[in-house]
Structure formats: C-alpha cells, structure tokens
Amino acid sequence: MRFTPKIMAEISISAALALVLSFIKFSPVAQGGSISLTMVPIFILALRRGWFAGLTGGALLGFIQLLVNPFIVHPLQLILDYPLAYGLLGISGFWRKSPLTGIVMGGMARFLAHFVSGAVFFGSYAPKGANVWLYSLAYNASYMVPEIIISCIAVFFLIKKAPALLNYEA
C-alpha cells in the first residue's frame, strides 16, 4: 500500500479523533480500562483504507495514548498495551465487505493483547489465590466486550447514515 498525503492525513485525523473520544467515557474501570468510542475512528479507517492503514493509525493512537496517559510496568507490557493492542484494531480492514465481523475481530485482537499483558504483568492485582489468567479474562472482558458492542452499533449507524464513509475509492 502506498501512503498518499491524503491517506496519511486520514490516519492522523483518525488517531486524533480516537484520542479525543477516549476522554469521553461511559464507564471508567479500575486500573485504566474504560468503555468509550475510542476504537470507532480506527475501525472506520481500517474498513475504508485497509488493514495496513488501520494498523498504522491504531499503532499511532497507541503511541499517543502512551504519551498522554502512560501506565508502564515493563517494556514488553508497554508494547502489548499500547502500540500492539491499538494497532491490532487495524485487522478489521481484512473484513471490509463485512464491517461488523471486522470490528469484532479487531476488538478481539486488541482484547487478546490486553489479556496477555494483564495475566503476565498485572497478576498481582488478582485476589489472593485467584487464577491470574481468569482474573485477566474477567477484568479485560468487563470493558472490552461492551466497547466492542458499542463500536459495532456506532459503526452500523454511521454506515447506514453515510454509506460513502466506507468508499475507499474516494
């Protein structure tokens, strides 16, 4: 894929809009998670311009989130929770003909990165005697599943209202 100035501008605007939306939280969760519309601009970007543009925009968002609101305990956790997790939203671009499937797949890929990070690096937050993998599963699912559902609903209505939004030929 060749990044034209127009596509680079879309990537930048999508990451910036996603950052702004990250500050509007429906339900903050302890230790950093929250339910918001953050993923929607990255999903639209990936569905409009393809997986590589989505991955690039998501990773850019991850780096910006790292600058704005960092929570770092280990270099590998930094990669898992920021550029990789948000970058994985871009895989939704593989399902351009089936946007809702793409959103679920991209959201689940992000969930997987946070899940592994949570079990490996944040297991100490689990109640004494609890399985850290089950704790990470429950914690991350508590905000990621609703956020994926809300993203599906938002993108569905955006596409219904403005079908040209996904016109990647434009």
N, C-alpha and C. Protein backbone atom coordinates (compact mmCIF):
# COMPACT_ATOMS: atom_id res chain seq x y z
N MET A 1 0.84 -1.19 0.00
CA MET A 1 0.00 0.00 0.00
C MET A 1 0.88 1.24 0.00
N ARG A 2 0.49 2.19 -0.78
CA ARG A 2 1.21 3.46 -0.86
C ARG A 2 0.45 4.51 -0.06
N PHE A 3 1.14 5.14 0.87
CA PHE A 3 0.51 6.18 1.68
C PHE A 3 0.64 7.52 0.97
N THR A 4 -0.46 7.98 0.43
CA THR A 4 -0.51 9.30 -0.19
C THR A 4 -0.68 10.33 0.93
N PRO A 5 -0.45 11.58 0.66
CA PRO A 5 -0.71 12.60 1.69
C PRO A 5 -2.14 12.55 2.22
N LYS A 6 -3.09 12.24 1.35
CA LYS A 6 -4.49 12.16 1.77
C LYS A 6 -4.69 11.02 2.78
N ILE A 7 -4.09 9.87 2.51
CA ILE A 7 -4.23 8.73 3.42
C ILE A 7 -3.49 9.01 4.74
N MET A 8 -2.31 9.63 4.64
CA MET A 8 -1.59 9.99 5.88
C MET A 8 -2.40 10.96 6.72
N ALA A 9 -3.10 11.89 6.07
CA ALA A 9 -3.95 12.82 6.80
C ALA A 9 -5.11 12.08 7.46
N GLU A 10 -5.72 11.12 6.76
CA GLU A 10 -6.81 10.33 7.34
C GLU A 10 -6.32 9.53 8.55
N ILE A 11 -5.13 8.97 8.45
CA ILE A 11 -4.56 8.21 9.57
C ILE A 11 -4.38 9.13 10.77
N SER A 12 -3.80 10.29 10.55
CA SER A 12 -3.56 11.24 11.64
C SER A 12 -4.85 11.74 12.26
N ILE A 13 -5.81 12.09 11.43
CA ILE A 13 -7.10 12.59 11.93
C ILE A 13 -7.84 11.49 12.69
N SER A 14 -7.78 10.26 12.18
CA SER A 14 -8.44 9.15 12.87
C SER A 14 -7.83 8.91 14.26
N ALA A 15 -6.51 8.94 14.34
CA ALA A 15 -5.84 8.75 15.63
C ALA A 15 -6.18 9.90 16.59
N ALA A 16 -6.20 11.12 16.05
CA ALA A 16 -6.52 12.28 16.90
C ALA A 16 -7.97 12.21 17.40
N LEU A 17 -8.89 11.87 16.51
CA LEU A 17 -10.30 11.76 16.91
C LEU A 17 -10.48 10.64 17.94
N ALA A 18 -9.80 9.53 17.73
CA ALA A 18 -9.86 8.42 18.68
C ALA A 18 -9.36 8.85 20.05
N LEU A 19 -8.28 9.64 20.07
CA LEU A 19 -7.76 10.14 21.35
C LEU A 19 -8.80 11.02 22.03
N VAL A 20 -9.41 11.93 21.30
CA VAL A 20 -10.44 12.80 21.88
C VAL A 20 -11.59 11.96 22.43
N LEU A 21 -12.02 10.96 21.67
CA LEU A 21 -13.13 10.10 22.13
C LEU A 21 -12.74 9.29 23.36
N SER A 22 -11.45 9.03 23.55
CA SER A 22 -11.02 8.26 24.72
C SER A 22 -11.25 9.03 26.02
N PHE A 23 -11.41 10.34 25.92
CA PHE A 23 -11.66 11.14 27.12
C PHE A 23 -13.15 11.17 27.50
N ILE A 24 -14.01 10.71 26.60
CA ILE A 24 -15.45 10.64 26.86
C ILE A 24 -15.76 9.20 27.22
N LYS A 25 -15.87 8.93 28.50
CA LYS A 25 -16.01 7.56 28.98
C LYS A 25 -17.42 7.30 29.48
N PHE A 26 -17.99 6.19 29.02
CA PHE A 26 -19.29 5.77 29.52
C PHE A 26 -19.16 5.17 30.90
N SER A 27 -18.07 4.45 31.11
CA SER A 27 -17.88 3.75 32.37
C SER A 27 -16.41 3.47 32.59
N PRO A 28 -15.74 4.30 33.40
CA PRO A 28 -14.34 4.00 33.69
C PRO A 28 -14.23 2.74 34.55
N VAL A 29 -13.17 1.97 34.31
CA VAL A 29 -12.91 0.75 35.06
C VAL A 29 -11.61 0.96 35.81
N ALA A 30 -11.49 0.36 36.97
CA ALA A 30 -10.27 0.49 37.78
C ALA A 30 -9.05 0.06 36.96
N GLN A 31 -7.92 0.59 37.30
CA GLN A 31 -6.62 0.27 36.69
C GLN A 31 -6.55 0.57 35.20
N GLY A 32 -7.31 1.53 34.74
CA GLY A 32 -7.07 2.05 33.40
C GLY A 32 -8.06 1.72 32.31
N GLY A 33 -8.86 0.68 32.44
CA GLY A 33 -9.80 0.36 31.38
C GLY A 33 -10.98 1.31 31.39
N SER A 34 -11.65 1.42 30.24
CA SER A 34 -12.85 2.23 30.19
C SER A 34 -13.67 1.85 28.96
N ILE A 35 -14.94 2.20 29.00
CA ILE A 35 -15.83 1.96 27.88
C ILE A 35 -16.06 3.30 27.19
N SER A 36 -15.68 3.37 25.92
CA SER A 36 -15.80 4.61 25.17
C SER A 36 -15.95 4.28 23.68
N LEU A 37 -15.93 5.31 22.86
CA LEU A 37 -16.00 5.15 21.41
C LEU A 37 -14.62 5.25 20.76
N THR A 38 -13.57 5.07 21.55
CA THR A 38 -12.20 5.24 21.09
C THR A 38 -11.87 4.46 19.83
N MET A 39 -12.36 3.24 19.74
CA MET A 39 -11.97 2.37 18.62
C MET A 39 -12.65 2.72 17.30
N VAL A 40 -13.77 3.44 17.35
CA VAL A 40 -14.58 3.69 16.15
C VAL A 40 -13.79 4.37 15.02
N PRO A 41 -13.05 5.45 15.26
CA PRO A 41 -12.32 6.07 14.14
C PRO A 41 -11.28 5.13 13.52
N ILE A 42 -10.66 4.28 14.32
CA ILE A 42 -9.67 3.36 13.78
C ILE A 42 -10.36 2.27 12.95
N PHE A 43 -11.52 1.81 13.43
CA PHE A 43 -12.28 0.84 12.64
C PHE A 43 -12.71 1.43 11.30
N ILE A 44 -13.22 2.64 11.32
CA ILE A 44 -13.64 3.30 10.08
C ILE A 44 -12.45 3.44 9.14
N LEU A 45 -11.31 3.85 9.68
CA LEU A 45 -10.09 3.98 8.87
C LEU A 45 -9.72 2.65 8.22
N ALA A 46 -9.70 1.58 9.01
CA ALA A 46 -9.31 0.26 8.50
C ALA A 46 -10.32 -0.26 7.47
N LEU A 47 -11.59 -0.04 7.74
CA LEU A 47 -12.62 -0.51 6.80
C LEU A 47 -12.60 0.32 5.51
N ARG A 48 -12.21 1.57 5.63
CA ARG A 48 -12.16 2.47 4.48
C ARG A 48 -10.88 2.29 3.66
N ARG A 49 -9.74 2.20 4.35
CA ARG A 49 -8.44 2.22 3.67
C ARG A 49 -7.65 0.90 3.74
N GLY A 50 -8.17 -0.08 4.47
CA GLY A 50 -7.48 -1.36 4.53
C GLY A 50 -6.74 -1.59 5.84
N TRP A 51 -6.31 -2.82 6.00
CA TRP A 51 -5.72 -3.24 7.27
C TRP A 51 -4.43 -2.50 7.60
N PHE A 52 -3.60 -2.20 6.59
CA PHE A 52 -2.32 -1.57 6.89
C PHE A 52 -2.49 -0.14 7.38
N ALA A 53 -3.40 0.59 6.76
CA ALA A 53 -3.69 1.95 7.23
C ALA A 53 -4.30 1.88 8.63
N GLY A 54 -5.19 0.90 8.86
CA GLY A 54 -5.79 0.73 10.18
C GLY A 54 -4.77 0.38 11.23
N LEU A 55 -3.86 -0.53 10.89
CA LEU A 55 -2.79 -0.90 11.83
C LEU A 55 -1.91 0.31 12.14
N THR A 56 -1.59 1.08 11.12
CA THR A 56 -0.75 2.27 11.32
C THR A 56 -1.46 3.30 12.19
N GLY A 57 -2.73 3.57 11.89
CA GLY A 57 -3.50 4.52 12.69
C GLY A 57 -3.68 4.05 14.12
N GLY A 58 -3.94 2.76 14.29
CA GLY A 58 -4.09 2.20 15.64
C GLY A 58 -2.80 2.27 16.43
N ALA A 59 -1.69 1.92 15.79
CA ALA A 59 -0.39 1.99 16.48
C ALA A 59 -0.06 3.44 16.84
N LEU A 60 -0.37 4.36 15.93
CA LEU A 60 -0.17 5.79 16.23
C LEU A 60 -1.00 6.20 17.44
N LEU A 61 -2.26 5.76 17.48
CA LEU A 61 -3.10 6.03 18.64
C LEU A 61 -2.48 5.45 19.90
N GLY A 62 -1.95 4.23 19.81
CA GLY A 62 -1.31 3.60 20.96
C GLY A 62 -0.14 4.42 21.48
N PHE A 63 0.69 4.93 20.57
CA PHE A 63 1.82 5.76 20.99
C PHE A 63 1.35 7.07 21.62
N ILE A 64 0.30 7.65 21.05
CA ILE A 64 -0.24 8.90 21.63
C ILE A 64 -0.83 8.62 23.01
N GLN A 65 -1.57 7.51 23.16
CA GLN A 65 -2.12 7.13 24.47
C GLN A 65 -0.97 6.96 25.47
N LEU A 66 0.12 6.40 25.03
CA LEU A 66 1.29 6.21 25.87
C LEU A 66 1.85 7.55 26.35
N LEU A 67 1.82 8.54 25.50
CA LEU A 67 2.31 9.87 25.88
C LEU A 67 1.34 10.58 26.82
N VAL A 68 0.05 10.42 26.57
CA VAL A 68 -0.98 11.15 27.31
C VAL A 68 -1.28 10.52 28.67
N ASN A 69 -1.37 9.20 28.70
CA ASN A 69 -1.81 8.53 29.92
C ASN A 69 -1.06 7.21 30.11
N PRO A 70 0.26 7.29 30.35
CA PRO A 70 1.05 6.05 30.44
C PRO A 70 0.85 5.30 31.76
N PHE A 71 0.89 3.99 31.66
CA PHE A 71 0.91 3.11 32.83
C PHE A 71 1.84 1.97 32.46
N ILE A 72 3.09 2.10 32.82
CA ILE A 72 4.13 1.18 32.36
C ILE A 72 4.75 0.45 33.54
N VAL A 73 4.81 -0.87 33.43
CA VAL A 73 5.49 -1.66 34.45
C VAL A 73 6.65 -2.46 33.86
N HIS A 74 6.67 -2.61 32.53
CA HIS A 74 7.70 -3.40 31.86
C HIS A 74 7.71 -3.01 30.38
N PRO A 75 8.88 -3.03 29.73
CA PRO A 75 8.92 -2.68 28.31
C PRO A 75 8.02 -3.55 27.42
N LEU A 76 7.93 -4.84 27.70
CA LEU A 76 7.05 -5.70 26.90
C LEU A 76 5.58 -5.36 27.13
N GLN A 77 5.24 -5.02 28.36
CA GLN A 77 3.86 -4.59 28.67
C GLN A 77 3.53 -3.30 27.92
N LEU A 78 4.49 -2.39 27.83
CA LEU A 78 4.30 -1.14 27.08
C LEU A 78 3.91 -1.46 25.64
N ILE A 79 4.62 -2.39 25.02
CA ILE A 79 4.33 -2.75 23.63
C ILE A 79 2.97 -3.42 23.52
N LEU A 80 2.68 -4.37 24.43
CA LEU A 80 1.41 -5.11 24.38
C LEU A 80 0.21 -4.20 24.57
N ASP A 81 0.27 -3.29 25.53
CA ASP A 81 -0.89 -2.48 25.90
C ASP A 81 -1.07 -1.21 25.08
N TYR A 82 -0.06 -0.78 24.37
CA TYR A 82 -0.19 0.47 23.64
C TYR A 82 -0.10 0.27 22.12
N PRO A 83 1.07 0.28 21.48
CA PRO A 83 1.05 0.21 20.01
C PRO A 83 0.51 -1.11 19.46
N LEU A 84 0.79 -2.24 20.10
CA LEU A 84 0.31 -3.51 19.56
C LEU A 84 -1.20 -3.65 19.73
N ALA A 85 -1.70 -3.41 20.94
CA ALA A 85 -3.14 -3.57 21.19
C ALA A 85 -3.97 -2.68 20.27
N TYR A 86 -3.61 -1.41 20.21
CA TYR A 86 -4.38 -0.49 19.36
C TYR A 86 -4.11 -0.74 17.88
N GLY A 87 -2.89 -1.11 17.54
CA GLY A 87 -2.58 -1.43 16.16
C GLY A 87 -3.39 -2.61 15.64
N LEU A 88 -3.63 -3.59 16.51
CA LEU A 88 -4.39 -4.77 16.10
C LEU A 88 -5.83 -4.45 15.69
N LEU A 89 -6.33 -3.29 16.09
CA LEU A 89 -7.66 -2.88 15.63
C LEU A 89 -7.71 -2.83 14.10
N GLY A 90 -6.55 -2.57 13.50
CA GLY A 90 -6.47 -2.46 12.05
C GLY A 90 -6.79 -3.73 11.30
N ILE A 91 -6.74 -4.89 11.97
CA ILE A 91 -7.06 -6.12 11.24
C ILE A 91 -8.52 -6.14 10.79
N SER A 92 -9.32 -5.25 11.35
CA SER A 92 -10.72 -5.16 10.90
C SER A 92 -10.78 -4.87 9.40
N GLY A 93 -9.73 -4.28 8.87
CA GLY A 93 -9.67 -3.99 7.43
C GLY A 93 -9.65 -5.22 6.54
N PHE A 94 -9.36 -6.39 7.11
CA PHE A 94 -9.42 -7.63 6.34
C PHE A 94 -10.87 -8.01 6.01
N TRP A 95 -11.81 -7.45 6.75
CA TRP A 95 -13.24 -7.77 6.57
C TRP A 95 -14.00 -6.55 6.07
N ARG A 96 -13.49 -5.92 5.04
CA ARG A 96 -14.10 -4.70 4.53
C ARG A 96 -15.51 -4.95 4.00
N LYS A 97 -15.78 -6.13 3.50
CA LYS A 97 -17.11 -6.45 2.96
C LYS A 97 -18.08 -6.83 4.07
N SER A 98 -17.57 -7.09 5.26
CA SER A 98 -18.40 -7.44 6.42
C SER A 98 -17.92 -6.64 7.63
N PRO A 99 -18.26 -5.35 7.68
CA PRO A 99 -17.71 -4.46 8.70
C PRO A 99 -17.91 -4.92 10.15
N LEU A 100 -19.08 -5.45 10.47
CA LEU A 100 -19.31 -5.85 11.86
C LEU A 100 -18.41 -7.02 12.25
N THR A 101 -18.18 -7.94 11.32
CA THR A 101 -17.24 -9.03 11.58
C THR A 101 -15.85 -8.45 11.80
N GLY A 102 -15.47 -7.51 10.98
CA GLY A 102 -14.16 -6.86 11.13
C GLY A 102 -14.00 -6.19 12.48
N ILE A 103 -15.05 -5.51 12.92
CA ILE A 103 -14.98 -4.83 14.21
C ILE A 103 -14.82 -5.84 15.34
N VAL A 104 -15.58 -6.91 15.28
CA VAL A 104 -15.47 -7.95 16.33
C VAL A 104 -14.06 -8.55 16.31
N MET A 105 -13.54 -8.85 15.13
CA MET A 105 -12.21 -9.46 15.03
C MET A 105 -11.13 -8.49 15.52
N GLY A 106 -11.21 -7.24 15.10
CA GLY A 106 -10.23 -6.24 15.55
C GLY A 106 -10.32 -6.01 17.05
N GLY A 107 -11.55 -5.93 17.57
CA GLY A 107 -11.73 -5.74 19.01
C GLY A 107 -11.22 -6.93 19.81
N MET A 108 -11.45 -8.13 19.29
CA MET A 108 -10.97 -9.32 20.00
C MET A 108 -9.44 -9.41 19.95
N ALA A 109 -8.85 -8.96 18.86
CA ALA A 109 -7.38 -8.95 18.78
C ALA A 109 -6.80 -7.98 19.82
N ARG A 110 -7.42 -6.81 19.96
CA ARG A 110 -6.97 -5.87 20.99
C ARG A 110 -7.16 -6.49 22.38
N PHE A 111 -8.32 -7.12 22.57
CA PHE A 111 -8.59 -7.79 23.85
C PHE A 111 -7.50 -8.80 24.16
N LEU A 112 -7.10 -9.58 23.19
CA LEU A 112 -6.09 -10.61 23.40
C LEU A 112 -4.77 -10.00 23.88
N ALA A 113 -4.36 -8.90 23.30
CA ALA A 113 -3.12 -8.23 23.73
C ALA A 113 -3.24 -7.77 25.18
N HIS A 114 -4.37 -7.16 25.54
CA HIS A 114 -4.56 -6.71 26.93
C HIS A 114 -4.68 -7.90 27.88
N PHE A 115 -5.31 -8.97 27.43
CA PHE A 115 -5.47 -10.18 28.24
C PHE A 115 -4.12 -10.77 28.62
N VAL A 116 -3.25 -10.93 27.64
CA VAL A 116 -1.91 -11.48 27.91
C VAL A 116 -1.13 -10.54 28.82
N SER A 117 -1.16 -9.26 28.52
CA SER A 117 -0.48 -8.28 29.36
C SER A 117 -1.01 -8.32 30.79
N GLY A 118 -2.32 -8.39 30.93
CA GLY A 118 -2.93 -8.42 32.26
C GLY A 118 -2.50 -9.63 33.08
N ALA A 119 -2.48 -10.79 32.45
CA ALA A 119 -2.10 -12.00 33.18
C ALA A 119 -0.62 -12.00 33.53
N VAL A 120 0.22 -11.57 32.60
CA VAL A 120 1.66 -11.63 32.81
C VAL A 120 2.16 -10.50 33.71
N PHE A 121 1.68 -9.29 33.48
CA PHE A 121 2.26 -8.14 34.16
C PHE A 121 1.40 -7.56 35.29
N PHE A 122 0.11 -7.88 35.32
CA PHE A 122 -0.76 -7.31 36.34
C PHE A 122 -1.43 -8.37 37.20
N GLY A 123 -0.88 -9.57 37.21
CA GLY A 123 -1.42 -10.65 38.02
C GLY A 123 -1.45 -10.34 39.50
N SER A 124 -0.60 -9.42 39.93
CA SER A 124 -0.57 -9.06 41.35
C SER A 124 -1.85 -8.37 41.80
N TYR A 125 -2.64 -7.86 40.87
CA TYR A 125 -3.92 -7.23 41.23
C TYR A 125 -5.02 -8.27 41.48
N ALA A 126 -4.78 -9.50 41.07
CA ALA A 126 -5.78 -10.56 41.28
C ALA A 126 -5.93 -10.84 42.77
N PRO A 127 -7.14 -11.17 43.20
CA PRO A 127 -7.33 -11.55 44.60
C PRO A 127 -6.44 -12.74 44.96
N LYS A 128 -6.04 -12.77 46.19
CA LYS A 128 -5.15 -13.84 46.66
C LYS A 128 -5.77 -15.20 46.35
N GLY A 129 -4.96 -16.06 45.72
CA GLY A 129 -5.41 -17.41 45.38
C GLY A 129 -6.15 -17.52 44.06
N ALA A 130 -6.47 -16.39 43.43
CA ALA A 130 -7.20 -16.41 42.16
C ALA A 130 -6.26 -16.73 41.01
N ASN A 131 -6.77 -17.39 40.01
CA ASN A 131 -6.02 -17.68 38.80
C ASN A 131 -5.83 -16.37 38.04
N VAL A 132 -4.57 -16.00 37.77
CA VAL A 132 -4.30 -14.71 37.13
C VAL A 132 -4.86 -14.65 35.71
N TRP A 133 -4.93 -15.78 35.01
CA TRP A 133 -5.47 -15.80 33.65
C TRP A 133 -6.98 -15.56 33.66
N LEU A 134 -7.67 -16.18 34.61
CA LEU A 134 -9.12 -15.95 34.72
C LEU A 134 -9.40 -14.53 35.18
N TYR A 135 -8.57 -14.02 36.09
CA TYR A 135 -8.73 -12.64 36.54
C TYR A 135 -8.55 -11.67 35.37
N SER A 136 -7.50 -11.88 34.57
CA SER A 136 -7.26 -11.01 33.42
C SER A 136 -8.39 -11.12 32.40
N LEU A 137 -8.88 -12.34 32.20
CA LEU A 137 -10.01 -12.55 31.28
C LEU A 137 -11.22 -11.76 31.74
N ALA A 138 -11.57 -11.89 33.02
CA ALA A 138 -12.76 -11.20 33.55
C ALA A 138 -12.57 -9.68 33.53
N TYR A 139 -11.41 -9.22 33.97
CA TYR A 139 -11.16 -7.78 34.02
C TYR A 139 -11.23 -7.16 32.63
N ASN A 140 -10.48 -7.72 31.69
CA ASN A 140 -10.44 -7.14 30.35
C ASN A 140 -11.75 -7.29 29.61
N ALA A 141 -12.45 -8.39 29.82
CA ALA A 141 -13.76 -8.58 29.19
C ALA A 141 -14.78 -7.58 29.73
N SER A 142 -14.60 -7.14 30.99
CA SER A 142 -15.57 -6.23 31.62
C SER A 142 -15.67 -4.89 30.90
N TYR A 143 -14.62 -4.48 30.22
CA TYR A 143 -14.72 -3.22 29.47
C TYR A 143 -14.58 -3.43 27.96
N MET A 144 -13.84 -4.47 27.54
CA MET A 144 -13.65 -4.66 26.10
C MET A 144 -14.90 -5.18 25.39
N VAL A 145 -15.63 -6.10 26.00
CA VAL A 145 -16.84 -6.63 25.36
C VAL A 145 -17.87 -5.51 25.15
N PRO A 146 -18.19 -4.71 26.19
CA PRO A 146 -19.12 -3.60 25.94
C PRO A 146 -18.59 -2.59 24.91
N GLU A 147 -17.28 -2.34 24.92
CA GLU A 147 -16.73 -1.38 23.96
C GLU A 147 -16.82 -1.93 22.53
N ILE A 148 -16.63 -3.21 22.36
CA ILE A 148 -16.78 -3.82 21.03
C ILE A 148 -18.24 -3.71 20.58
N ILE A 149 -19.16 -4.00 21.47
CA ILE A 149 -20.59 -3.92 21.13
C ILE A 149 -20.98 -2.48 20.77
N ILE A 150 -20.55 -1.53 21.57
CA ILE A 150 -20.85 -0.12 21.31
C ILE A 150 -20.22 0.31 19.98
N SER A 151 -19.02 -0.16 19.69
CA SER A 151 -18.37 0.17 18.42
C SER A 151 -19.15 -0.39 17.24
N CYS A 152 -19.64 -1.63 17.36
CA CYS A 152 -20.46 -2.23 16.30
C CYS A 152 -21.70 -1.39 16.05
N ILE A 153 -22.37 -0.98 17.12
CA ILE A 153 -23.59 -0.19 16.99
C ILE A 153 -23.28 1.16 16.34
N ALA A 154 -22.23 1.82 16.81
CA ALA A 154 -21.87 3.15 16.27
C ALA A 154 -21.51 3.06 14.79
N VAL A 155 -20.68 2.09 14.43
CA VAL A 155 -20.28 1.97 13.03
C VAL A 155 -21.47 1.57 12.16
N PHE A 156 -22.32 0.69 12.65
CA PHE A 156 -23.52 0.31 11.90
C PHE A 156 -24.35 1.54 11.55
N PHE A 157 -24.60 2.41 12.55
CA PHE A 157 -25.41 3.60 12.29
C PHE A 157 -24.68 4.62 11.44
N LEU A 158 -23.37 4.74 11.60
CA LEU A 158 -22.61 5.65 10.75
C LEU A 158 -22.66 5.21 9.29
N ILE A 159 -22.51 3.91 9.05
CA ILE A 159 -22.55 3.40 7.68
C ILE A 159 -23.96 3.53 7.10
N LYS A 160 -24.97 3.28 7.93
CA LYS A 160 -26.35 3.40 7.47
C LYS A 160 -26.66 4.85 7.09
N LYS A 161 -26.18 5.79 7.89
CA LYS A 161 -26.45 7.21 7.65
C LYS A 161 -25.60 7.77 6.50
N ALA A 162 -24.36 7.29 6.41
CA ALA A 162 -23.44 7.80 5.39
C ALA A 162 -22.67 6.65 4.76
N PRO A 163 -23.30 5.91 3.85
CA PRO A 163 -22.63 4.75 3.25
C PRO A 163 -21.31 5.10 2.54
N ALA A 164 -21.20 6.32 2.06
CA ALA A 164 -19.99 6.74 1.38
C ALA A 164 -18.78 6.81 2.33
N LEU A 165 -19.05 6.73 3.61
CA LEU A 165 -17.97 6.75 4.61
C LEU A 165 -16.96 5.65 4.34
N LEU A 166 -17.42 4.52 3.83
CA LEU A 166 -16.52 3.41 3.54
C LEU A 166 -16.08 3.37 2.09
N ASN A 167 -16.38 4.41 1.34
CA ASN A 167 -15.98 4.48 -0.06
C ASN A 167 -14.49 4.77 -0.14
N TYR A 168 -13.70 3.72 -0.20
CA TYR A 168 -12.25 3.90 -0.20
C TYR A 168 -11.70 4.31 -1.55
N GLU A 169 -12.54 4.40 -2.54
CA GLU A 169 -12.11 4.87 -3.86
C GLU A 169 -12.04 6.40 -3.87
N ALA A 170 -12.74 7.03 -2.93
CA ALA A 170 -12.85 8.49 -2.94
C ALA A 170 -11.53 9.15 -2.61
